[in-house]
C-alpha cells in the first residue's frame, strides 16, 4: 500500500510540474494570462495532494491521533479495573473524549 501511495504521489508531482510549467509559460503572455493563472492554481493543488499522499496521518493530524490513542488507553484501563469506572469517566471528560 505504501509503494502504491508513493507511486501515485510521484505521478501527481510530475503532472503538477508539467501543469505549472505550462501555466507559467501561458502567464508570460498577456493574452493567455487568464488561462495560465488557473493552471498554476491546479498545479499547486496537485502538489499539495501529492504531499498528503506521502505524509502519514499521524504527522498531518497529531492532535487527533493523540486524542484517539488517549481514548483507547482510557478504555483499556477501564477494562483492567472495572471498579474505577467513575474515575475513568472523569478522565474522559477531562480529556474531552466524550
Foldseek 3Di string as FASTA:
>chain_A
DLVVLLVVLVVLLVVLVVLLVVLVVLCVDPVSVVVSVVSNVVSVVSNVVSVVSNDDPCVVCVVVVVLVVVVVVLVVVCVVPVVCVVVSVVVCVVSVND
